[in-house]
Amino acid sequence: MLTLPPEAATKLETEKNIWVASIRPDGRPHLAPVWFAWHAGKLYICTGPGSVKARNISQNPRVALALEDGSHPVSCEGIAAPAPAPGSAEMAKVAVIFLNKYDWDISSEEQYTQLLEVTPTKWLTW
C-alpha cells in the first residue's frame, strides 16, 4: 500500500464525491463524478455495467481519480478491476461504508450493479 498523508486519508473517508477519469477506446478521456468508498488502501465505485466508465475500464483499466477540493487536492492514478465477490467479508465492509456514508444499500441496487475496486499506483496531494 502506498503512503498517504493522514489528512488526505481523512478526506477520502469523509468527502462525498470523487471524479473518475477513464480512457475511451479511441483515446479520448471521459470524466465523471461518482460516490465512492475508501477501504484498506483502495477506492470502490459502483457503476452501471453498460456505462461509459465500465466500457472504458473493461478495455483499459488505467484510471485517475480526484476529490473536488482544488485548494488542497487529493488525486491518484490507479488500476480499476471488478471487486471481489459481494459475499466476502471485505466487500461486506465496503457495503457498510456506502450505507453509512450515503444511506445507500449497494447490495439491493438495480442500476449501478458493477462494483469496481481501484488500486492506487500513485498519489498526488498538496
N, C-alpha and C. Protein backbone atom coordinates (compact mmCIF):
# COMPACT_ATOMS: atom_id res chain seq x y z
N MET A 1 0.84 -1.19 0.00
CA MET A 1 0.00 0.00 0.00
C MET A 1 0.88 1.24 0.00
N LEU A 2 0.51 2.23 -0.80
CA LEU A 2 1.24 3.48 -0.87
C LEU A 2 0.96 4.33 0.36
N THR A 3 1.95 5.12 0.77
CA THR A 3 1.78 6.00 1.92
C THR A 3 0.94 7.21 1.51
N LEU A 4 0.01 7.55 2.38
CA LEU A 4 -0.88 8.68 2.14
C LEU A 4 -0.91 9.53 3.40
N PRO A 5 -0.76 10.85 3.29
CA PRO A 5 -0.82 11.69 4.48
C PRO A 5 -2.15 11.50 5.23
N PRO A 6 -2.13 11.55 6.56
CA PRO A 6 -3.35 11.32 7.34
C PRO A 6 -4.50 12.25 6.96
N GLU A 7 -4.19 13.52 6.66
CA GLU A 7 -5.27 14.45 6.30
C GLU A 7 -5.91 14.06 4.97
N ALA A 8 -5.14 13.49 4.06
CA ALA A 8 -5.69 13.02 2.79
C ALA A 8 -6.58 11.80 3.01
N ALA A 9 -6.13 10.88 3.89
CA ALA A 9 -6.95 9.71 4.20
C ALA A 9 -8.27 10.12 4.84
N THR A 10 -8.24 11.12 5.71
CA THR A 10 -9.47 11.61 6.34
C THR A 10 -10.42 12.16 5.28
N LYS A 11 -9.90 12.89 4.32
CA LYS A 11 -10.75 13.41 3.24
C LYS A 11 -11.39 12.26 2.46
N LEU A 12 -10.63 11.21 2.19
CA LEU A 12 -11.17 10.07 1.45
C LEU A 12 -12.28 9.37 2.24
N GLU A 13 -12.20 9.43 3.55
CA GLU A 13 -13.24 8.82 4.38
C GLU A 13 -14.50 9.68 4.45
N THR A 14 -14.35 11.01 4.31
CA THR A 14 -15.49 11.89 4.55
C THR A 14 -16.07 12.59 3.33
N GLU A 15 -15.26 12.85 2.31
CA GLU A 15 -15.78 13.55 1.12
C GLU A 15 -16.82 12.68 0.41
N LYS A 16 -17.78 13.32 -0.21
CA LYS A 16 -18.90 12.59 -0.83
C LYS A 16 -18.67 12.22 -2.29
N ASN A 17 -17.96 13.06 -3.04
CA ASN A 17 -17.81 12.83 -4.48
C ASN A 17 -16.35 12.76 -4.87
N ILE A 18 -16.11 11.93 -5.87
CA ILE A 18 -14.78 11.85 -6.45
C ILE A 18 -14.96 11.81 -7.97
N TRP A 19 -14.06 12.46 -8.69
CA TRP A 19 -14.10 12.44 -10.15
C TRP A 19 -13.26 11.28 -10.66
N VAL A 20 -13.80 10.54 -11.61
CA VAL A 20 -13.10 9.40 -12.19
C VAL A 20 -12.85 9.68 -13.67
N ALA A 21 -11.59 9.59 -14.05
CA ALA A 21 -11.22 9.74 -15.45
C ALA A 21 -10.84 8.38 -16.00
N SER A 22 -11.49 8.00 -17.10
CA SER A 22 -11.15 6.76 -17.80
C SER A 22 -10.85 7.12 -19.25
N ILE A 23 -10.38 6.14 -20.00
CA ILE A 23 -9.95 6.40 -21.37
C ILE A 23 -10.83 5.61 -22.34
N ARG A 24 -11.44 6.32 -23.27
CA ARG A 24 -12.26 5.67 -24.29
C ARG A 24 -11.35 4.87 -25.24
N PRO A 25 -11.91 3.86 -25.91
CA PRO A 25 -11.09 3.07 -26.85
C PRO A 25 -10.40 3.91 -27.92
N ASP A 26 -10.99 5.06 -28.30
CA ASP A 26 -10.35 5.90 -29.32
C ASP A 26 -9.33 6.87 -28.72
N GLY A 27 -9.09 6.77 -27.40
CA GLY A 27 -8.09 7.59 -26.74
C GLY A 27 -8.61 8.85 -26.08
N ARG A 28 -9.88 9.20 -26.32
CA ARG A 28 -10.45 10.39 -25.69
C ARG A 28 -10.71 10.11 -24.20
N PRO A 29 -10.50 11.10 -23.35
CA PRO A 29 -10.78 10.91 -21.92
C PRO A 29 -12.28 11.01 -21.63
N HIS A 30 -12.69 10.40 -20.57
CA HIS A 30 -14.07 10.51 -20.06
C HIS A 30 -13.95 10.81 -18.58
N LEU A 31 -14.67 11.82 -18.12
CA LEU A 31 -14.60 12.26 -16.74
C LEU A 31 -16.00 12.29 -16.15
N ALA A 32 -16.18 11.70 -14.96
CA ALA A 32 -17.49 11.66 -14.34
C ALA A 32 -17.36 11.66 -12.81
N PRO A 33 -18.26 12.37 -12.12
CA PRO A 33 -18.27 12.31 -10.66
C PRO A 33 -19.04 11.08 -10.20
N VAL A 34 -18.56 10.46 -9.12
CA VAL A 34 -19.24 9.29 -8.56
C VAL A 34 -19.14 9.31 -7.03
N TRP A 35 -20.04 8.57 -6.40
CA TRP A 35 -19.89 8.28 -4.98
C TRP A 35 -18.84 7.18 -4.86
N PHE A 36 -18.19 7.12 -3.69
CA PHE A 36 -17.11 6.16 -3.54
C PHE A 36 -16.94 5.75 -2.08
N ALA A 37 -16.25 4.65 -1.90
CA ALA A 37 -15.85 4.18 -0.57
C ALA A 37 -14.33 4.03 -0.56
N TRP A 38 -13.73 4.34 0.57
CA TRP A 38 -12.29 4.20 0.78
C TRP A 38 -12.12 3.15 1.85
N HIS A 39 -11.44 2.04 1.53
CA HIS A 39 -11.27 0.95 2.49
C HIS A 39 -9.98 0.20 2.21
N ALA A 40 -9.19 0.02 3.25
CA ALA A 40 -7.98 -0.80 3.21
C ALA A 40 -7.05 -0.40 2.05
N GLY A 41 -6.91 0.92 1.84
CA GLY A 41 -5.98 1.41 0.84
C GLY A 41 -6.49 1.38 -0.58
N LYS A 42 -7.78 1.08 -0.76
CA LYS A 42 -8.35 1.02 -2.11
C LYS A 42 -9.63 1.86 -2.17
N LEU A 43 -9.96 2.28 -3.39
CA LEU A 43 -11.19 3.03 -3.64
C LEU A 43 -12.18 2.11 -4.33
N TYR A 44 -13.46 2.27 -3.99
CA TYR A 44 -14.52 1.46 -4.57
C TYR A 44 -15.58 2.38 -5.15
N ILE A 45 -15.99 2.09 -6.38
CA ILE A 45 -17.06 2.85 -7.02
C ILE A 45 -18.07 1.86 -7.61
N CYS A 46 -19.31 2.29 -7.66
CA CYS A 46 -20.35 1.50 -8.31
C CYS A 46 -20.73 2.19 -9.61
N THR A 47 -20.96 1.40 -10.64
CA THR A 47 -21.37 1.95 -11.92
C THR A 47 -22.29 0.96 -12.62
N GLY A 48 -22.98 1.43 -13.62
CA GLY A 48 -23.80 0.53 -14.42
C GLY A 48 -22.91 -0.27 -15.35
N PRO A 49 -23.19 -1.55 -15.53
CA PRO A 49 -22.35 -2.39 -16.38
C PRO A 49 -22.21 -1.88 -17.82
N GLY A 50 -23.20 -1.15 -18.32
CA GLY A 50 -23.14 -0.64 -19.68
C GLY A 50 -22.72 0.82 -19.76
N SER A 51 -22.31 1.40 -18.65
CA SER A 51 -21.93 2.81 -18.63
C SER A 51 -20.65 3.05 -19.42
N VAL A 52 -20.42 4.31 -19.76
CA VAL A 52 -19.18 4.67 -20.46
C VAL A 52 -17.98 4.27 -19.61
N LYS A 53 -18.03 4.56 -18.30
CA LYS A 53 -16.92 4.19 -17.40
C LYS A 53 -16.63 2.70 -17.46
N ALA A 54 -17.68 1.90 -17.32
CA ALA A 54 -17.50 0.44 -17.30
C ALA A 54 -16.93 -0.07 -18.62
N ARG A 55 -17.44 0.45 -19.71
CA ARG A 55 -16.94 0.01 -21.03
C ARG A 55 -15.48 0.43 -21.20
N ASN A 56 -15.16 1.66 -20.81
CA ASN A 56 -13.78 2.12 -20.93
C ASN A 56 -12.83 1.27 -20.09
N ILE A 57 -13.20 1.04 -18.84
CA ILE A 57 -12.34 0.29 -17.92
C ILE A 57 -12.17 -1.16 -18.37
N SER A 58 -13.19 -1.72 -19.01
CA SER A 58 -13.04 -3.10 -19.49
C SER A 58 -11.99 -3.19 -20.60
N GLN A 59 -11.76 -2.08 -21.32
CA GLN A 59 -10.76 -2.03 -22.39
C GLN A 59 -9.39 -1.55 -21.89
N ASN A 60 -9.41 -0.66 -20.89
CA ASN A 60 -8.17 -0.08 -20.36
C ASN A 60 -8.41 0.23 -18.88
N PRO A 61 -7.82 -0.55 -17.98
CA PRO A 61 -8.12 -0.39 -16.55
C PRO A 61 -7.45 0.80 -15.87
N ARG A 62 -6.62 1.55 -16.61
CA ARG A 62 -5.95 2.71 -16.00
C ARG A 62 -6.94 3.86 -15.82
N VAL A 63 -6.97 4.39 -14.60
CA VAL A 63 -7.87 5.49 -14.27
C VAL A 63 -7.12 6.53 -13.45
N ALA A 64 -7.72 7.71 -13.36
CA ALA A 64 -7.28 8.76 -12.44
C ALA A 64 -8.51 9.20 -11.68
N LEU A 65 -8.32 9.52 -10.40
CA LEU A 65 -9.42 9.97 -9.56
C LEU A 65 -8.99 11.20 -8.79
N ALA A 66 -9.93 12.11 -8.53
CA ALA A 66 -9.61 13.32 -7.80
C ALA A 66 -10.82 13.78 -6.99
N LEU A 67 -10.55 14.18 -5.74
CA LEU A 67 -11.60 14.79 -4.93
C LEU A 67 -11.90 16.17 -5.49
N GLU A 68 -13.01 16.75 -5.06
CA GLU A 68 -13.46 18.02 -5.63
C GLU A 68 -12.66 19.23 -5.16
N ASP A 69 -12.00 19.16 -4.03
CA ASP A 69 -11.29 20.30 -3.47
C ASP A 69 -10.05 20.63 -4.28
N GLY A 70 -10.08 21.76 -5.01
CA GLY A 70 -8.93 22.16 -5.80
C GLY A 70 -7.89 22.94 -5.01
N SER A 71 -8.23 23.39 -3.79
CA SER A 71 -7.28 24.14 -2.98
C SER A 71 -6.30 23.23 -2.25
N HIS A 72 -6.78 22.05 -1.85
CA HIS A 72 -5.95 21.05 -1.17
C HIS A 72 -6.23 19.69 -1.83
N PRO A 73 -5.72 19.50 -3.03
CA PRO A 73 -6.09 18.33 -3.82
C PRO A 73 -5.62 17.00 -3.25
N VAL A 74 -6.45 16.01 -3.51
CA VAL A 74 -6.11 14.61 -3.28
C VAL A 74 -6.52 13.90 -4.56
N SER A 75 -5.54 13.38 -5.28
CA SER A 75 -5.84 12.65 -6.50
C SER A 75 -4.91 11.46 -6.61
N CYS A 76 -5.31 10.52 -7.44
CA CYS A 76 -4.46 9.35 -7.62
C CYS A 76 -4.61 8.80 -9.02
N GLU A 77 -3.61 8.05 -9.40
CA GLU A 77 -3.65 7.22 -10.59
C GLU A 77 -3.78 5.79 -10.08
N GLY A 78 -4.47 4.95 -10.83
CA GLY A 78 -4.63 3.58 -10.34
C GLY A 78 -5.12 2.64 -11.42
N ILE A 79 -5.33 1.41 -10.98
CA ILE A 79 -5.82 0.34 -11.84
C ILE A 79 -7.17 -0.11 -11.30
N ALA A 80 -8.18 -0.08 -12.16
CA ALA A 80 -9.53 -0.49 -11.77
C ALA A 80 -9.78 -1.93 -12.23
N ALA A 81 -10.53 -2.66 -11.40
CA ALA A 81 -10.89 -4.04 -11.72
C ALA A 81 -12.19 -4.37 -11.01
N PRO A 82 -12.90 -5.38 -11.48
CA PRO A 82 -14.09 -5.79 -10.74
C PRO A 82 -13.70 -6.14 -9.31
N ALA A 83 -14.53 -5.72 -8.37
CA ALA A 83 -14.26 -6.01 -6.95
C ALA A 83 -14.48 -7.49 -6.69
N PRO A 84 -13.87 -8.01 -5.61
CA PRO A 84 -14.11 -9.40 -5.24
C PRO A 84 -15.60 -9.69 -5.01
N ALA A 85 -15.92 -10.94 -4.89
CA ALA A 85 -17.31 -11.38 -4.74
C ALA A 85 -18.02 -10.63 -3.62
N PRO A 86 -19.28 -10.26 -3.85
CA PRO A 86 -20.03 -9.48 -2.86
C PRO A 86 -20.16 -10.16 -1.50
N GLY A 87 -20.08 -11.47 -1.45
CA GLY A 87 -20.25 -12.17 -0.18
C GLY A 87 -19.03 -12.18 0.72
N SER A 88 -17.91 -11.68 0.25
CA SER A 88 -16.70 -11.72 1.06
C SER A 88 -16.78 -10.73 2.22
N ALA A 89 -16.01 -10.98 3.26
CA ALA A 89 -16.01 -10.11 4.44
C ALA A 89 -15.56 -8.70 4.09
N GLU A 90 -14.56 -8.57 3.22
CA GLU A 90 -14.08 -7.25 2.84
C GLU A 90 -15.15 -6.48 2.07
N MET A 91 -15.87 -7.14 1.18
CA MET A 91 -16.91 -6.44 0.42
C MET A 91 -18.10 -6.09 1.31
N ALA A 92 -18.33 -6.89 2.34
CA ALA A 92 -19.38 -6.54 3.31
C ALA A 92 -19.00 -5.24 4.02
N LYS A 93 -17.72 -5.05 4.32
CA LYS A 93 -17.26 -3.81 4.95
C LYS A 93 -17.44 -2.63 3.99
N VAL A 94 -17.15 -2.84 2.72
CA VAL A 94 -17.33 -1.79 1.72
C VAL A 94 -18.80 -1.41 1.62
N ALA A 95 -19.68 -2.40 1.62
CA ALA A 95 -21.13 -2.13 1.56
C ALA A 95 -21.58 -1.30 2.76
N VAL A 96 -21.03 -1.57 3.93
CA VAL A 96 -21.37 -0.80 5.13
C VAL A 96 -20.89 0.65 4.99
N ILE A 97 -19.73 0.85 4.40
CA ILE A 97 -19.23 2.21 4.18
C ILE A 97 -20.20 2.99 3.30
N PHE A 98 -20.64 2.39 2.19
CA PHE A 98 -21.61 3.06 1.32
C PHE A 98 -22.92 3.34 2.07
N LEU A 99 -23.36 2.40 2.87
CA LEU A 99 -24.60 2.58 3.62
C LEU A 99 -24.47 3.73 4.62
N ASN A 100 -23.38 3.77 5.36
CA ASN A 100 -23.19 4.81 6.36
C ASN A 100 -22.95 6.19 5.73
N LYS A 101 -22.22 6.22 4.64
CA LYS A 101 -21.84 7.49 4.01
C LYS A 101 -22.98 8.11 3.19
N TYR A 102 -23.75 7.27 2.51
CA TYR A 102 -24.76 7.78 1.57
C TYR A 102 -26.18 7.28 1.86
N ASP A 103 -26.34 6.44 2.88
CA ASP A 103 -27.63 5.78 3.12
C ASP A 103 -28.05 5.02 1.85
N TRP A 104 -27.09 4.31 1.28
CA TRP A 104 -27.27 3.60 0.02
C TRP A 104 -26.85 2.15 0.19
N ASP A 105 -27.81 1.24 0.00
CA ASP A 105 -27.54 -0.19 0.11
C ASP A 105 -27.15 -0.71 -1.28
N ILE A 106 -25.87 -0.83 -1.51
CA ILE A 106 -25.41 -1.24 -2.84
C ILE A 106 -25.79 -2.69 -3.15
N SER A 107 -26.09 -3.48 -2.13
CA SER A 107 -26.45 -4.88 -2.38
C SER A 107 -27.84 -5.02 -3.00
N SER A 108 -28.68 -3.99 -2.85
CA SER A 108 -30.02 -4.05 -3.45
C SER A 108 -30.16 -3.09 -4.63
N GLU A 109 -29.05 -2.51 -5.06
CA GLU A 109 -29.05 -1.57 -6.18
C GLU A 109 -29.41 -2.29 -7.47
N GLU A 110 -30.24 -1.65 -8.29
CA GLU A 110 -30.66 -2.28 -9.54
C GLU A 110 -30.01 -1.67 -10.78
N GLN A 111 -29.48 -0.45 -10.69
CA GLN A 111 -28.87 0.20 -11.85
C GLN A 111 -27.34 0.16 -11.79
N TYR A 112 -26.77 0.58 -10.67
CA TYR A 112 -25.31 0.65 -10.51
C TYR A 112 -24.83 -0.63 -9.85
N THR A 113 -24.85 -1.70 -10.61
CA THR A 113 -24.62 -3.03 -10.04
C THR A 113 -23.18 -3.52 -10.16
N GLN A 114 -22.34 -2.79 -10.86
CA GLN A 114 -20.96 -3.22 -11.01
C GLN A 114 -20.09 -2.46 -10.01
N LEU A 115 -19.53 -3.20 -9.06
CA LEU A 115 -18.63 -2.61 -8.07
C LEU A 115 -17.20 -2.78 -8.56
N LEU A 116 -16.52 -1.63 -8.68
CA LEU A 116 -15.13 -1.64 -9.14
C LEU A 116 -14.20 -1.27 -8.00
N GLU A 117 -13.07 -1.93 -7.96
CA GLU A 117 -12.03 -1.70 -6.97
C GLU A 117 -10.86 -1.03 -7.67
N VAL A 118 -10.44 0.13 -7.16
CA VAL A 118 -9.31 0.84 -7.74
C VAL A 118 -8.11 0.73 -6.79
N THR A 119 -7.05 0.16 -7.29
CA THR A 119 -5.81 0.06 -6.55
C THR A 119 -4.92 1.23 -6.95
N PRO A 120 -4.68 2.18 -6.03
CA PRO A 120 -3.84 3.33 -6.38
C PRO A 120 -2.39 2.91 -6.68
N THR A 121 -1.82 3.54 -7.71
CA THR A 121 -0.42 3.32 -8.03
C THR A 121 0.41 4.57 -7.78
N LYS A 122 -0.26 5.72 -7.66
CA LYS A 122 0.44 6.98 -7.38
C LYS A 122 -0.55 7.96 -6.75
N TRP A 123 -0.12 8.62 -5.67
CA TRP A 123 -0.94 9.66 -5.02
C TRP A 123 -0.34 11.02 -5.30
N LEU A 124 -1.19 12.00 -5.48
CA LEU A 124 -0.78 13.39 -5.62
C LEU A 124 -1.57 14.21 -4.60
N THR A 125 -0.87 14.82 -3.67
CA THR A 125 -1.52 15.65 -2.65
C THR A 125 -0.66 16.88 -2.39
N TRP A 126 -1.29 17.97 -2.04
CA TRP A 126 -0.56 19.15 -1.60
C TRP A 126 -1.52 20.11 -0.94
